[in-house]
PDB file of N, CA and C in Angstrom:
ATOM      1  N   MET A   1      17.742 -14.148  24.321  1.00  0.00           N
ATOM      2  CA  MET A   1      18.311 -13.739  23.055  1.00  0.00           C
ATOM      3  C   MET A   1      17.429 -12.659  22.430  1.00  0.00           C
ATOM      4  N   ILE A   2      18.043 -11.561  22.035  1.00  0.00           N
ATOM      5  CA  ILE A   2      17.318 -10.479  21.377  1.00  0.00           C
ATOM      6  C   ILE A   2      17.482 -10.642  19.875  1.00  0.00           C
ATOM      7  N   GLU A   3      16.353 -10.738  19.221  1.00  0.00           N
ATOM      8  CA  GLU A   3      16.349 -10.870  17.765  1.00  0.00           C
ATOM      9  C   GLU A   3      15.924  -9.538  17.168  1.00  0.00           C
ATOM     10  N   LYS A   4      16.579  -9.119  16.105  1.00  0.00           N
ATOM     11  CA  LYS A   4      16.212  -7.886  15.430  1.00  0.00           C
ATOM     12  C   LYS A   4      16.150  -8.170  13.941  1.00  0.00           C
ATOM     13  N   ALA A   5      15.153  -7.591  13.295  1.00  0.00           N
ATOM     14  CA  ALA A   5      14.989  -7.799  11.859  1.00  0.00           C
ATOM     15  C   ALA A   5      14.877  -6.447  11.170  1.00  0.00           C
ATOM     16  N   GLU A   6      15.511  -6.341  10.013  1.00  0.00           N
ATOM     17  CA  GLU A   6      15.491  -5.092   9.254  1.00  0.00           C
ATOM     18  C   GLU A   6      15.314  -5.389   7.771  1.00  0.00           C
ATOM     19  N   ALA A   7      14.750  -4.413   7.068  1.00  0.00           N
ATOM     20  CA  ALA A   7      14.616  -4.515   5.609  1.00  0.00           C
ATOM     21  C   ALA A   7      14.578  -3.112   5.029  1.00  0.00           C
ATOM     22  N   VAL A   8      15.045  -2.988   3.800  1.00  0.00           N
ATOM     23  CA  VAL A   8      14.984  -1.719   3.072  1.00  0.00           C
ATOM     24  C   VAL A   8      14.403  -2.016   1.698  1.00  0.00           C
ATOM     25  N   ILE A   9      13.421  -1.205   1.308  1.00  0.00           N
ATOM     26  CA  ILE A   9      12.799  -1.349  -0.009  1.00  0.00           C
ATOM     27  C   ILE A   9      12.917  -0.021  -0.741  1.00  0.00           C
ATOM     28  N   HIS A  10      13.381  -0.089  -1.980  1.00  0.00           N
ATOM     29  CA  HIS A  10      13.442   1.081  -2.860  1.00  0.00           C
ATOM     30  C   HIS A  10      12.415   0.863  -3.965  1.00  0.00           C
ATOM     31  N   LEU A  11      11.468   1.774  -4.086  1.00  0.00           N
ATOM     32  CA  LEU A  11      10.440   1.674  -5.122  1.00  0.00           C
ATOM     33  C   LEU A  11      10.557   2.859  -6.063  1.00  0.00           C
ATOM     34  N   GLU A  12      10.735   2.572  -7.338  1.00  0.00           N
ATOM     35  CA  GLU A  12      10.751   3.639  -8.335  1.00  0.00           C
ATOM     36  C   GLU A  12       9.387   3.652  -9.011  1.00  0.00           C
ATOM     37  N   LEU A  13       8.662   4.737  -8.807  1.00  0.00           N
ATOM     38  CA  LEU A  13       7.316   4.869  -9.351  1.00  0.00           C
ATOM     39  C   LEU A  13       7.366   5.585 -10.699  1.00  0.00           C
ATOM     40  N   PRO A  14       6.289   5.482 -11.485  1.00  0.00           N
ATOM     41  CA  PRO A  14       6.290   6.039 -12.840  1.00  0.00           C
ATOM     42  C   PRO A  14       6.515   7.550 -12.929  1.00  0.00           C
ATOM     43  N   SER A  15       6.104   8.297 -11.900  1.00  0.00           N
ATOM     44  CA  SER A  15       6.250   9.753 -11.969  1.00  0.00           C
ATOM     45  C   SER A  15       6.540  10.323 -10.584  1.00  0.00           C
ATOM     46  N   GLU A  16       7.105  11.534 -10.578  1.00  0.00           N
ATOM     47  CA  GLU A  16       7.351  12.209  -9.302  1.00  0.00           C
ATOM     48  C   GLU A  16       6.037  12.538  -8.611  1.00  0.00           C
ATOM     49  N   ARG A  17       5.032  12.871  -9.395  1.00  0.00           N
ATOM     50  CA  ARG A  17       3.719  13.192  -8.815  1.00  0.00           C
ATOM     51  C   ARG A  17       3.157  11.987  -8.061  1.00  0.00           C
ATOM     52  N   GLU A  18       3.197  10.824  -8.693  1.00  0.00           N
ATOM     53  CA  GLU A  18       2.694   9.616  -8.041  1.00  0.00           C
ATOM     54  C   GLU A  18       3.528   9.286  -6.801  1.00  0.00           C
ATOM     55  N   SER A  19       4.827   9.482  -6.888  1.00  0.00           N
ATOM     56  CA  SER A  19       5.698   9.231  -5.734  1.00  0.00           C
ATOM     57  C   SER A  19       5.335  10.134  -4.561  1.00  0.00           C
ATOM     58  N   ARG A  20       5.081  11.418  -4.861  1.00  0.00           N
ATOM     59  CA  ARG A  20       4.692  12.359  -3.795  1.00  0.00           C
ATOM     60  C   ARG A  20       3.363  11.954  -3.168  1.00  0.00           C
ATOM     61  N   ILE A  21       2.419  11.507  -3.986  1.00  0.00           N
ATOM     62  CA  ILE A  21       1.110  11.103  -3.474  1.00  0.00           C
ATOM     63  C   ILE A  21       1.252   9.897  -2.549  1.00  0.00           C
ATOM     64  N   VAL A  22       2.015   8.901  -2.974  1.00  0.00           N
ATOM     65  CA  VAL A  22       2.223   7.715  -2.132  1.00  0.00           C
ATOM     66  C   VAL A  22       2.952   8.110  -0.851  1.00  0.00           C
ATOM     67  N   TYR A  23       3.962   8.951  -0.968  1.00  0.00           N
ATOM     68  CA  TYR A  23       4.719   9.412   0.201  1.00  0.00           C
ATOM     69  C   TYR A  23       3.793  10.092   1.210  1.00  0.00           C
ATOM     70  N   ARG A  24       2.977  11.019   0.720  1.00  0.00           N
ATOM     71  CA  ARG A  24       2.063  11.747   1.621  1.00  0.00           C
ATOM     72  C   ARG A  24       1.021  10.826   2.244  1.00  0.00           C
ATOM     73  N   ALA A  25       0.624   9.799   1.528  1.00  0.00           N
ATOM     74  CA  ALA A  25      -0.355   8.851   2.070  1.00  0.00           C
ATOM     75  C   ALA A  25       0.256   7.989   3.176  1.00  0.00           C
ATOM     76  N   LEU A  26       1.528   7.639   3.041  1.00  0.00           N
ATOM     77  CA  LEU A  26       2.172   6.744   4.008  1.00  0.00           C
ATOM     78  C   LEU A  26       2.836   7.460   5.182  1.00  0.00           C
ATOM     79  N   LYS A  27       3.249   8.687   4.986  1.00  0.00           N
ATOM     80  CA  LYS A  27       4.010   9.410   6.012  1.00  0.00           C
ATOM     81  C   LYS A  27       3.328   9.426   7.386  1.00  0.00           C
ATOM     82  N   PRO A  28       2.015   9.694   7.486  1.00  0.00           N
ATOM     83  CA  PRO A  28       1.384   9.687   8.815  1.00  0.00           C
ATOM     84  C   PRO A  28       1.489   8.334   9.531  1.00  0.00           C
ATOM     85  N   GLU A  29       1.491   7.253   8.764  1.00  0.00           N
ATOM     86  CA  GLU A  29       1.615   5.925   9.373  1.00  0.00           C
ATOM     87  C   GLU A  29       2.983   5.736  10.020  1.00  0.00           C
ATOM     88  N   THR A  30       4.002   6.364   9.451  1.00  0.00           N
ATOM     89  CA  THR A  30       5.350   6.219  10.004  1.00  0.00           C
ATOM     90  C   THR A  30       5.542   7.057  11.262  1.00  0.00           C
ATOM     91  N   GLU A  31       4.729   8.088  11.407  1.00  0.00           N
ATOM     92  CA  GLU A  31       4.882   8.990  12.554  1.00  0.00           C
ATOM     93  C   GLU A  31       4.190   8.485  13.812  1.00  0.00           C
ATOM     94  N   SER A  32       3.209   7.624  13.660  1.00  0.00           N
ATOM     95  CA  SER A  32       2.545   7.035  14.833  1.00  0.00           C
ATOM     96  C   SER A  32       2.288   5.557  14.570  1.00  0.00           C
ATOM     97  N   PRO A  33       3.337   4.736  14.744  1.00  0.00           N
ATOM     98  CA  PRO A  33       3.210   3.309  14.447  1.00  0.00           C
ATOM     99  C   PRO A  33       2.168   2.632  15.334  1.00  0.00           C
ATOM    100  N   PRO A  34       1.400   1.695  14.761  1.00  0.00           N
ATOM    101  CA  PRO A  34       0.357   1.010  15.519  1.00  0.00           C
ATOM    102  C   PRO A  34       0.906   0.001  16.525  1.00  0.00           C
ATOM    103  N   SER A  35       2.185  -0.315  16.422  1.00  0.00           N
ATOM    104  CA  SER A  35       2.776  -1.329  17.290  1.00  0.00           C
ATOM    105  C   SER A  35       4.160  -0.882  17.749  1.00  0.00           C
ATOM    106  N   GLN A  36       4.540  -1.313  18.918  1.00  0.00           N
ATOM    107  CA  GLN A  36       5.887  -1.042  19.431  1.00  0.00           C
ATOM    108  C   GLN A  36       6.904  -2.018  18.843  1.00  0.00           C
ATOM    109  N   ARG A  37       6.417  -3.033  18.138  1.00  0.00           N
ATOM    110  CA  ARG A  37       7.288  -4.090  17.627  1.00  0.00           C
ATOM    111  C   ARG A  37       7.977  -3.738  16.314  1.00  0.00           C
ATOM    112  N   SER A  38       7.484  -2.700  15.642  1.00  0.00           N
ATOM    113  CA  SER A  38       8.122  -2.332  14.373  1.00  0.00           C
ATOM    114  C   SER A  38       8.079  -0.825  14.174  1.00  0.00           C
ATOM    115  N   ARG A  39       9.006  -0.369  13.367  1.00  0.00           N
ATOM    116  CA  ARG A  39       9.111   1.055  13.052  1.00  0.00           C
ATOM    117  C   ARG A  39       9.487   1.159  11.579  1.00  0.00           C
ATOM    118  N   VAL A  40       8.904   2.145  10.890  1.00  0.00           N
ATOM    119  CA  VAL A  40       9.178   2.336   9.468  1.00  0.00           C
ATOM    120  C   VAL A  40       9.561   3.790   9.228  1.00  0.00           C
ATOM    121  N   TYR A  41      10.596   3.983   8.440  1.00  0.00           N
ATOM    122  CA  TYR A  41      11.049   5.312   8.043  1.00  0.00           C
ATOM    123  C   TYR A  41      10.876   5.416   6.532  1.00  0.00           C
ATOM    124  N   ILE A  42      10.392   6.562   6.064  1.00  0.00           N
ATOM    125  CA  ILE A  42      10.148   6.732   4.637  1.00  0.00           C
ATOM    126  C   ILE A  42      10.877   7.969   4.132  1.00  0.00           C
ATOM    127  N   GLU A  43      11.470   7.846   2.959  1.00  0.00           N
ATOM    128  CA  GLU A  43      12.174   8.959   2.318  1.00  0.00           C
ATOM    129  C   GLU A  43      11.729   9.044   0.867  1.00  0.00           C
ATOM    130  N   LEU A  44      11.731  10.255   0.346  1.00  0.00           N
ATOM    131  CA  LEU A  44      11.353  10.494  -1.045  1.00  0.00           C
ATOM    132  C   LEU A  44      12.498  11.196  -1.760  1.00  0.00           C
ATOM    133  N   ASP A  45      12.875  10.668  -2.905  1.00  0.00           N
ATOM    134  CA  ASP A  45      13.917  11.279  -3.736  1.00  0.00           C
ATOM    135  C   ASP A  45      13.476  11.165  -5.196  1.00  0.00           C
ATOM    136  N   GLY A  46      12.836  12.221  -5.674  1.00  0.00           N
ATOM    137  CA  GLY A  46      12.321  12.190  -7.047  1.00  0.00           C
ATOM    138  C   GLY A  46      11.220  11.154  -7.191  1.00  0.00           C
ATOM    139  N   ARG A  47      11.450  10.181  -8.065  1.00  0.00           N
ATOM    140  CA  ARG A  47      10.464   9.116  -8.284  1.00  0.00           C
ATOM    141  C   ARG A  47      10.674   7.932  -7.346  1.00  0.00           C
ATOM    142  N   THR A  48      11.707   7.978  -6.524  1.00  0.00           N
ATOM    143  CA  THR A  48      12.057   6.824  -5.697  1.00  0.00           C
ATOM    144  C   THR A  48      11.637   7.007  -4.242  1.00  0.00           C
ATOM    145  N   LEU A  49      10.877   6.043  -3.756  1.00  0.00           N
ATOM    146  CA  LEU A  49      10.515   5.966  -2.340  1.00  0.00           C
ATOM    147  C   LEU A  49      11.420   4.930  -1.689  1.00  0.00           C
ATOM    148  N   THR A  50      11.948   5.257  -0.537  1.00  0.00           N
ATOM    149  CA  THR A  50      12.735   4.299   0.227  1.00  0.00           C
ATOM    150  C   THR A  50      12.039   4.080   1.557  1.00  0.00           C
ATOM    151  N   LEU A  51      11.765   2.824   1.854  1.00  0.00           N
ATOM    152  CA  LEU A  51      11.146   2.454   3.125  1.00  0.00           C
ATOM    153  C   LEU A  51      12.139   1.608   3.911  1.00  0.00           C
ATOM    154  N   LYS A  52      12.435   2.043   5.138  1.00  0.00           N
ATOM    155  CA  LYS A  52      13.352   1.320   6.012  1.00  0.00           C
ATOM    156  C   LYS A  52      12.542   0.742   7.166  1.00  0.00           C
ATOM    157  N   PHE A  53      12.588  -0.557   7.301  1.00  0.00           N
ATOM    158  CA  PHE A  53      11.821  -1.269   8.315  1.00  0.00           C
ATOM    159  C   PHE A  53      12.760  -1.769   9.405  1.00  0.00           C
ATOM    160  N   GLU A  54      12.359  -1.561  10.655  1.00  0.00           N
ATOM    161  CA  GLU A  54      13.071  -2.114  11.804  1.00  0.00           C
ATOM    162  C   GLU A  54      12.032  -2.794  12.676  1.00  0.00           C
ATOM    163  N   ALA A  55      12.319  -4.006  13.085  1.00  0.00           N
ATOM    164  CA  ALA A  55      11.354  -4.750  13.891  1.00  0.00           C
ATOM    165  C   ALA A  55      12.068  -5.556  14.966  1.00  0.00           C
ATOM    166  N   THR A  56      11.304  -5.911  15.980  1.00  0.00           N
ATOM    167  CA  THR A  56      11.875  -6.680  17.080  1.00  0.00           C
ATOM    168  C   THR A  56      12.092  -8.136  16.705  1.00  0.00           C
ATOM    169  N   ASP A  57      11.373  -8.616  15.683  1.00  0.00           N
ATOM    170  CA  ASP A  57      11.510 -10.001  15.242  1.00  0.00           C
ATOM    171  C   ASP A  57      11.001 -10.134  13.807  1.00  0.00           C
ATOM    172  N   THR A  58      11.221 -11.294  13.215  1.00  0.00           N
ATOM    173  CA  THR A  58      10.845 -11.486  11.813  1.00  0.00           C
ATOM    174  C   THR A  58       9.336 -11.487  11.600  1.00  0.00           C
ATOM    175  N   THR A  59       8.584 -11.910  12.581  1.00  0.00           N
ATOM    176  CA  THR A  59       7.120 -11.895  12.450  1.00  0.00           C
ATOM    177  C   THR A  59       6.612 -10.461  12.362  1.00  0.00           C
ATOM    178  N   ALA A  60       7.123  -9.596  13.214  1.00  0.00           N
ATOM    179  CA  ALA A  60       6.726  -8.184  13.182  1.00  0.00           C
ATOM    180  C   ALA A  60       7.200  -7.522  11.890  1.00  0.00           C
ATOM    181  N   LEU A  61       8.383  -7.892  11.419  1.00  0.00           N
ATOM    182  CA  LEU A  61       8.893  -7.348  10.158  1.00  0.00           C
ATOM    183  C   LEU A  61       7.979  -7.743   9.001  1.00  0.00           C
ATOM    184  N   ARG A  62       7.613  -9.010   8.932  1.00  0.00           N
ATOM    185  CA  ARG A  62       6.728  -9.486   7.870  1.00  0.00           C
ATOM    186  C   ARG A  62       5.398  -8.755   7.898  1.00  0.00           C
ATOM    187  N   ALA A  63       4.829  -8.573   9.081  1.00  0.00           N
ATOM    188  CA  ALA A  63       3.544  -7.878   9.211  1.00  0.00           C
ATOM    189  C   ALA A  63       3.654  -6.431   8.722  1.00  0.00           C
ATOM    190  N   ALA A  64       4.724  -5.755   9.093  1.00  0.00           N
ATOM    191  CA  ALA A  64       4.914  -4.363   8.658  1.00  0.00           C
ATOM    192  C   ALA A  64       5.108  -4.287   7.146  1.00  0.00           C
ATOM    193  N   LEU A  65       5.940  -5.170   6.599  1.00  0.00           N
ATOM    194  CA  LEU A  65       6.147  -5.208   5.146  1.00  0.00           C
ATOM    195  C   LEU A  65       4.831  -5.430   4.414  1.00  0.00           C
ATOM    196  N   ASN A  66       4.066  -6.414   4.855  1.00  0.00           N
ATOM    197  CA  ASN A  66       2.779  -6.706   4.212  1.00  0.00           C
ATOM    198  C   ASN A  66       1.845  -5.503   4.264  1.00  0.00           C
ATOM    199  N   SER A  67       1.767  -4.849   5.408  1.00  0.00           N
ATOM    200  CA  SER A  67       0.879  -3.689   5.544  1.00  0.00           C
ATOM    201  C   SER A  67       1.279  -2.572   4.592  1.00  0.00           C
ATOM    202  N   TYR A  68       2.547  -2.214   4.599  1.00  0.00           N
ATOM    203  CA  TYR A  68       2.987  -1.099   3.757  1.00  0.00           C
ATOM    204  C   TYR A  68       2.879  -1.427   2.272  1.00  0.00           C
ATOM    205  N   LEU A  69       3.219  -2.638   1.886  1.00  0.00           N
ATOM    206  CA  LEU A  69       3.092  -3.005   0.471  1.00  0.00           C
ATOM    207  C   LEU A  69       1.628  -3.006   0.035  1.00  0.00           C
ATOM    208  N   ARG A  70       0.744  -3.435   0.916  1.00  0.00           N
ATOM    209  CA  ARG A  70      -0.692  -3.396   0.610  1.00  0.00           C
ATOM    210  C   ARG A  70      -1.169  -1.952   0.452  1.00  0.00           C
ATOM    211  N   TRP A  71      -0.739  -1.078   1.351  1.00  0.00           N
ATOM    212  CA  TRP A  71      -1.130   0.334   1.266  1.00  0.00           C
ATOM    213  C   TRP A  71      -0.590   0.972  -0.012  1.00  0.00           C
ATOM    214  N   ILE A  72       0.632   0.642  -0.382  1.00  0.00           N
ATOM    215  CA  ILE A  72       1.206   1.179  -1.618  1.00  0.00           C
ATOM    216  C   ILE A  72       0.397   0.710  -2.821  1.00  0.00           C
ATOM    217  N   MET A  73       0.045  -0.568  -2.851  1.00  0.00           N
ATOM    218  CA  MET A  73      -0.776  -1.081  -3.957  1.00  0.00           C
ATOM    219  C   MET A  73      -2.126  -0.379  -4.002  1.00  0.00           C
ATOM    220  N   LEU A  74      -2.727  -0.140  -2.855  1.00  0.00           N
ATOM    221  CA  LEU A  74      -4.020   0.533  -2.791  1.00  0.00           C
ATOM    222  C   LEU A  74      -3.919   1.956  -3.343  1.00  0.00           C
ATOM    223  N   VAL A  75      -2.931   2.708  -2.889  1.00  0.00           N
ATOM    224  CA  VAL A  75      -2.762   4.086  -3.361  1.00  0.00           C
ATOM    225  C   VAL A  75      -2.477   4.088  -4.862  1.00  0.00           C
ATOM    226  N   ASP A  76      -1.643   3.173  -5.330  1.00  0.00           N
ATOM    227  CA  ASP A  76      -1.326   3.088  -6.755  1.00  0.00           C
ATOM    228  C   ASP A  76      -2.578   2.774  -7.578  1.00  0.00           C
ATOM    229  N   ASN A  77      -3.394   1.845  -7.103  1.00  0.00           N
ATOM    230  CA  ASN A  77      -4.641   1.513  -7.810  1.00  0.00           C
ATOM    231  C   ASN A  77      -5.595   2.701  -7.837  1.00  0.00           C
ATOM    232  N   LEU A  78      -5.722   3.397  -6.719  1.00  0.00           N
ATOM    233  CA  LEU A  78      -6.587   4.578  -6.678  1.00  0.00           C
ATOM    234  C   LEU A  78      -6.067   5.668  -7.609  1.00  0.00           C
ATOM    235  N   TYR A  79      -4.769   5.881  -7.604  1.00  0.00           N
ATOM    236  CA  TYR A  79      -4.159   6.884  -8.480  1.00  0.00           C
ATOM    237  C   TYR A  79      -4.452   6.543  -9.944  1.00  0.00           C
ATOM    238  N   SER A  80      -4.257   5.293 -10.320  1.00  0.00           N
ATOM    239  CA  SER A  80      -4.505   4.865 -11.705  1.00  0.00           C
ATOM    240  C   SER A  80      -5.965   5.036 -12.086  1.00  0.00           C
ATOM    241  N   THR A  81      -6.867   4.706 -11.169  1.00  0.00           N
ATOM    242  CA  THR A  81      -8.299   4.845 -11.438  1.00  0.00           C
ATOM    243  C   THR A  81      -8.670   6.307 -11.650  1.00  0.00           C
ATOM    244  N   VAL A  82      -8.203   7.170 -10.774  1.00  0.00           N
ATOM    245  CA  VAL A  82      -8.509   8.600 -10.896  1.00  0.00           C
ATOM    246  C   VAL A  82      -7.917   9.162 -12.189  1.00  0.00           C
ATOM    247  N   GLU A  83      -6.679   8.795 -12.502  1.00  0.00           N
ATOM    248  CA  GLU A  83      -6.043   9.270 -13.736  1.00  0.00           C
ATOM    249  C   GLU A  83      -6.831   8.831 -14.970  1.00  0.00           C
ATOM    250  N   SER A  84      -7.327   7.589 -14.965  1.00  0.00           N
ATOM    251  CA  SER A  84      -8.079   7.104 -16.129  1.00  0.00           C
ATOM    252  C   SER A  84      -9.437   7.798 -16.239  1.00  0.00           C
ATOM    253  N   LEU A  85     -10.036   8.150 -15.104  1.00  0.00           N
ATOM    254  CA  LEU A  85     -11.318   8.853 -15.132  1.00  0.00           C
ATOM    255  C   LEU A  85     -11.158  10.296 -15.605  1.00  0.00           C
ATOM    256  N   LEU A  86     -10.039  10.908 -15.243  1.00  0.00           N
ATOM    257  CA  LEU A  86      -9.801  12.299 -15.630  1.00  0.00           C
ATOM    258  C   LEU A  86      -9.265  12.428 -17.054  1.00  0.00           C
ATOM    259  N   GLY A  87      -8.798  11.307 -17.587  1.00  0.00           N
ATOM    260  CA  GLY A  87      -8.334  11.296 -18.975  1.00  0.00           C
ATOM    261  C   GLY A  87      -6.975  11.730 -19.099  1.00  0.00           C
TER     262      GLY A  87
END
C-alpha cells in the first residue's frame, strides 16, 4: 500500500518586507530537500507565504512541517530582534 500525505499552509505576515525575508530564507531549502521522503514548494504573494508539503507518509510530513515551522519562527524572531535594535 502506498501512502501519501499532503498539507498546505498559508501564512500572512505583518509586512511584505518580512514576507520576502522569510521567503528568501526558506527558498534554498525547497530547492535541495534533505530527504527523498518529502518535498516542499513555497510561493510568495504580497504578505502571504504559501507552503505546499508532499510526503511519502505522515511521519515524513510531520517532520517537514516541524522543520519549516521552526525555521519560520527563527527567522521571525531574528527579524523582530534586528528591527527592535535598529529602532
